[in-house]
Amino acid sequence: LAEAFSRRSEIRELEDKLFQTLQFQGIVGRSPAMIEVFEMARKVARHYSNVLIAGPTGSGKELVARALHQLSPVARERFAVCNCSALVDTLLESQLFGHMRGSFTGATDTRPGLFEFAKGGTVFLDEIGETSASLQSKLLRVIENREIQPVGSPEVKRVDVRLIAATNRDLRAEVLAGRFR
């Protein structure tokens, strides 16, 4: 009986060690492709650069984005998430850039957007391939100049965030077709 208990205990310890070996920031995988993703994430995470994650729906793009943030120098700062396909353009613009009181019907307060909310941290834009050309141009300004302009405001504000975007679309093909900036 004592021997069986000892073996079960040893098996549990080995299973725990195996799980720890196969786990990366809450993501479990052991295939060569996943190990390559983990290695790439470790390398990219330490740099405060923008990242695009591409892959099929349900492949764990948001998990990878969270891992990149958790392993980054700004891990203690905010991680703000926005699903770009869930909102119409006008609401998405307000959600990302903020808005001024009275700038549209129902804007009873001045509110900061996710780029201001995540100050010094990370903004994760899921389904970036679903955004309109108009919104893409505004996001391009954030990427190139680190500036936003809240809806209804004449003022341009500087922002300091790391941008991580994800898509299930082939953005290279979309760019070549003139559908993505």
Protein backbone atom coordinates (compact mmCIF):
# COMPACT_ATOMS: atom_id res chain seq x y z
CA LEU A 1 0.00 0.00 0.00
CA ALA A 2 2.79 2.38 0.89
CA GLU A 3 4.56 1.46 -2.36
CA ALA A 4 1.44 2.19 -4.45
CA PHE A 5 1.03 5.57 -2.71
CA SER A 6 4.68 6.38 -3.36
CA ARG A 7 4.31 5.51 -7.07
CA ARG A 8 1.16 7.63 -7.43
CA SER A 9 2.96 10.52 -5.77
CA GLU A 10 5.94 10.10 -8.11
CA ILE A 11 3.62 9.93 -11.15
CA ARG A 12 1.89 13.14 -10.05
CA GLU A 13 5.25 14.90 -9.69
CA LEU A 14 6.33 13.74 -13.15
CA GLU A 15 3.02 14.85 -14.67
CA ASP A 16 3.42 18.27 -13.04
CA LYS A 17 6.97 18.59 -14.41
CA LEU A 18 5.77 17.54 -17.87
CA PHE A 19 2.92 20.07 -17.73
CA GLN A 20 5.36 22.83 -16.71
CA THR A 21 7.62 21.87 -19.62
CA LEU A 22 4.76 21.98 -22.11
CA GLN A 23 3.23 25.19 -20.78
CA PHE A 24 4.10 28.71 -21.89
CA GLN A 25 2.31 31.58 -20.14
CA GLY A 26 -0.88 29.54 -19.79
CA ILE A 27 -0.66 28.08 -23.30
CA VAL A 28 -0.07 24.34 -23.51
CA GLY A 29 1.60 22.89 -26.58
CA ARG A 30 4.36 20.51 -27.58
CA SER A 31 4.35 20.42 -31.36
CA PRO A 32 7.38 21.87 -33.16
CA ALA A 33 5.14 24.69 -34.50
CA MET A 34 4.01 25.67 -30.98
CA ILE A 35 7.54 25.53 -29.60
CA GLU A 36 8.54 27.86 -32.45
CA VAL A 37 5.68 30.23 -31.52
CA PHE A 38 6.83 30.21 -27.86
CA GLU A 39 10.43 30.97 -28.85
CA MET A 40 9.36 33.80 -31.17
CA ALA A 41 7.12 35.24 -28.44
CA ARG A 42 10.00 35.19 -25.93
CA LYS A 43 12.22 37.11 -28.39
CA VAL A 44 9.59 39.66 -29.44
CA ALA A 45 8.14 40.28 -25.97
CA ARG A 46 11.21 41.99 -24.56
CA HIS A 47 11.08 44.71 -27.25
CA TYR A 48 8.53 47.51 -26.99
CA SER A 49 7.47 47.14 -30.62
CA ASN A 50 4.14 46.69 -32.36
CA VAL A 51 3.15 43.12 -33.25
CA LEU A 52 0.72 41.53 -35.70
CA ILE A 53 -0.49 38.02 -34.86
CA ALA A 54 -2.10 36.12 -37.73
CA GLY A 55 -3.85 32.77 -37.56
CA PRO A 56 -7.16 31.00 -38.00
CA THR A 57 -10.13 31.69 -35.75
CA GLY A 58 -9.78 29.86 -32.44
CA SER A 59 -6.01 29.37 -32.71
CA GLY A 60 -5.21 31.33 -29.53
CA LYS A 61 -4.12 34.70 -30.92
CA GLU A 62 -5.36 36.53 -27.81
CA LEU A 63 -3.49 34.07 -25.57
CA VAL A 64 -0.28 34.85 -27.47
CA ALA A 65 -1.00 38.60 -27.18
CA ARG A 66 -1.45 38.27 -23.41
CA ALA A 67 1.78 36.25 -23.18
CA LEU A 68 3.64 38.97 -25.12
CA HIS A 69 2.35 41.57 -22.68
CA GLN A 70 3.11 39.47 -19.59
CA LEU A 71 6.70 38.87 -20.74
CA SER A 72 7.27 42.50 -21.76
CA PRO A 73 8.95 45.33 -19.84
CA VAL A 74 5.46 46.87 -19.38
CA ALA A 75 3.84 43.77 -17.87
CA ARG A 76 2.78 45.73 -14.77
CA GLU A 77 0.88 48.23 -16.92
CA ARG A 78 -2.59 47.79 -18.41
CA PHE A 79 -3.55 45.34 -21.14
CA ALA A 80 -6.58 46.81 -22.94
CA VAL A 81 -8.56 44.63 -25.36
CA CYS A 82 -10.82 45.71 -28.21
CA ASN A 83 -12.64 43.38 -30.60
CA CYS A 84 -12.70 45.49 -33.77
CA SER A 85 -15.36 43.35 -35.44
CA ALA A 86 -17.86 43.77 -32.59
CA LEU A 87 -18.47 47.52 -32.98
CA VAL A 88 -19.60 49.77 -35.80
CA ASP A 89 -17.00 52.29 -36.96
CA THR A 90 -18.33 55.28 -35.02
CA LEU A 91 -18.43 53.38 -31.73
CA LEU A 92 -15.07 51.76 -32.41
CA GLU A 93 -13.48 55.15 -33.03
CA SER A 94 -14.90 56.48 -29.77
CA GLN A 95 -13.83 53.30 -27.92
CA LEU A 96 -10.24 53.58 -29.16
CA PHE A 97 -9.63 57.33 -29.26
CA GLY A 98 -12.14 58.66 -26.74
CA HIS A 99 -14.62 61.46 -27.28
CA MET A 100 -15.54 64.94 -26.09
CA ARG A 101 -18.79 65.79 -24.36
CA GLY A 102 -21.40 66.75 -26.94
CA SER A 103 -19.43 65.41 -29.91
CA PHE A 104 -22.36 63.13 -30.85
CA THR A 105 -25.83 62.27 -29.59
CA GLY A 106 -25.47 60.56 -26.24
CA ALA A 107 -21.95 61.86 -25.52
CA THR A 108 -22.85 63.33 -22.12
CA ASP A 109 -19.30 63.10 -20.77
CA THR A 110 -15.76 63.45 -22.06
CA ARG A 111 -14.25 59.98 -22.02
CA PRO A 112 -10.75 58.71 -22.72
CA GLY A 113 -10.35 55.87 -25.19
CA LEU A 114 -8.39 52.64 -24.83
CA PHE A 115 -5.17 54.25 -26.07
CA GLU A 116 -5.25 56.71 -23.16
CA PHE A 117 -6.55 54.08 -20.72
CA ALA A 118 -3.63 51.75 -21.49
CA LYS A 119 -1.05 54.53 -21.02
CA GLY A 120 2.38 52.92 -20.89
CA GLY A 121 0.91 49.44 -21.43
CA THR A 122 -0.52 47.42 -24.30
CA VAL A 123 -3.58 47.78 -26.53
CA PHE A 124 -4.71 44.55 -28.19
CA LEU A 125 -6.83 45.02 -31.31
CA ASP A 126 -8.50 41.74 -32.18
CA GLU A 127 -9.87 41.25 -35.72
CA ILE A 128 -7.94 44.24 -37.07
CA GLY A 129 -8.62 43.00 -40.61
CA GLU A 130 -12.30 43.90 -40.18
CA THR A 131 -11.71 47.65 -39.78
CA SER A 132 -12.73 50.19 -42.41
CA ALA A 133 -10.25 52.14 -44.54
CA SER A 134 -11.16 55.30 -42.60
CA LEU A 135 -10.35 53.73 -39.24
CA GLN A 136 -7.20 52.13 -40.67
CA SER A 137 -5.88 55.59 -41.56
CA LYS A 138 -6.47 56.77 -37.98
CA LEU A 139 -4.73 53.69 -36.61
CA LEU A 140 -1.84 54.32 -38.97
CA ARG A 141 -1.41 57.73 -37.34
CA VAL A 142 -1.17 56.01 -33.95
CA ILE A 143 1.44 53.59 -35.26
CA GLU A 144 3.54 56.16 -37.11
CA ASN A 145 3.25 59.23 -34.86
CA ARG A 146 1.99 57.89 -31.52
CA GLU A 147 -0.85 60.40 -31.69
CA ILE A 148 -4.62 60.23 -31.30
CA GLN A 149 -7.41 62.73 -31.77
CA PRO A 150 -10.49 62.11 -29.64
CA VAL A 151 -13.83 62.34 -31.45
CA GLY A 152 -15.00 65.96 -31.42
CA SER A 153 -11.69 67.38 -30.21
CA PRO A 154 -9.40 69.72 -32.13
CA GLU A 155 -6.55 68.60 -29.87
CA VAL A 156 -4.06 65.89 -30.86
CA LYS A 157 -2.73 63.87 -27.91
CA ARG A 158 0.47 61.86 -27.62
CA VAL A 159 0.09 58.24 -26.50
CA ASP A 160 2.66 55.75 -25.29
CA VAL A 161 1.33 52.22 -25.85
CA ARG A 162 2.45 48.98 -27.37
CA LEU A 163 0.06 47.90 -30.08
CA ILE A 164 -0.65 44.22 -30.66
CA ALA A 165 -3.14 43.37 -33.39
CA ALA A 166 -4.56 40.04 -34.50
CA THR A 167 -6.37 38.82 -37.58
CA ASN A 168 -7.49 35.66 -39.29
CA ARG A 169 -7.15 37.32 -42.69
CA ASP A 170 -4.16 37.28 -45.02
CA LEU A 171 -3.29 40.98 -44.67
CA ARG A 172 -0.53 40.83 -47.29
CA ALA A 173 -3.13 39.77 -49.87
CA GLU A 174 -5.54 42.41 -48.55
CA VAL A 175 -2.87 45.11 -48.94
CA LEU A 176 -2.05 43.97 -52.48
CA ALA A 177 -5.77 44.04 -53.32
CA GLY A 178 -6.03 47.61 -51.93
CA ARG A 179 -8.40 46.62 -49.11
CA PHE A 180 -6.01 47.16 -46.21
CA ARG A 181 -3.51 49.93 -45.46
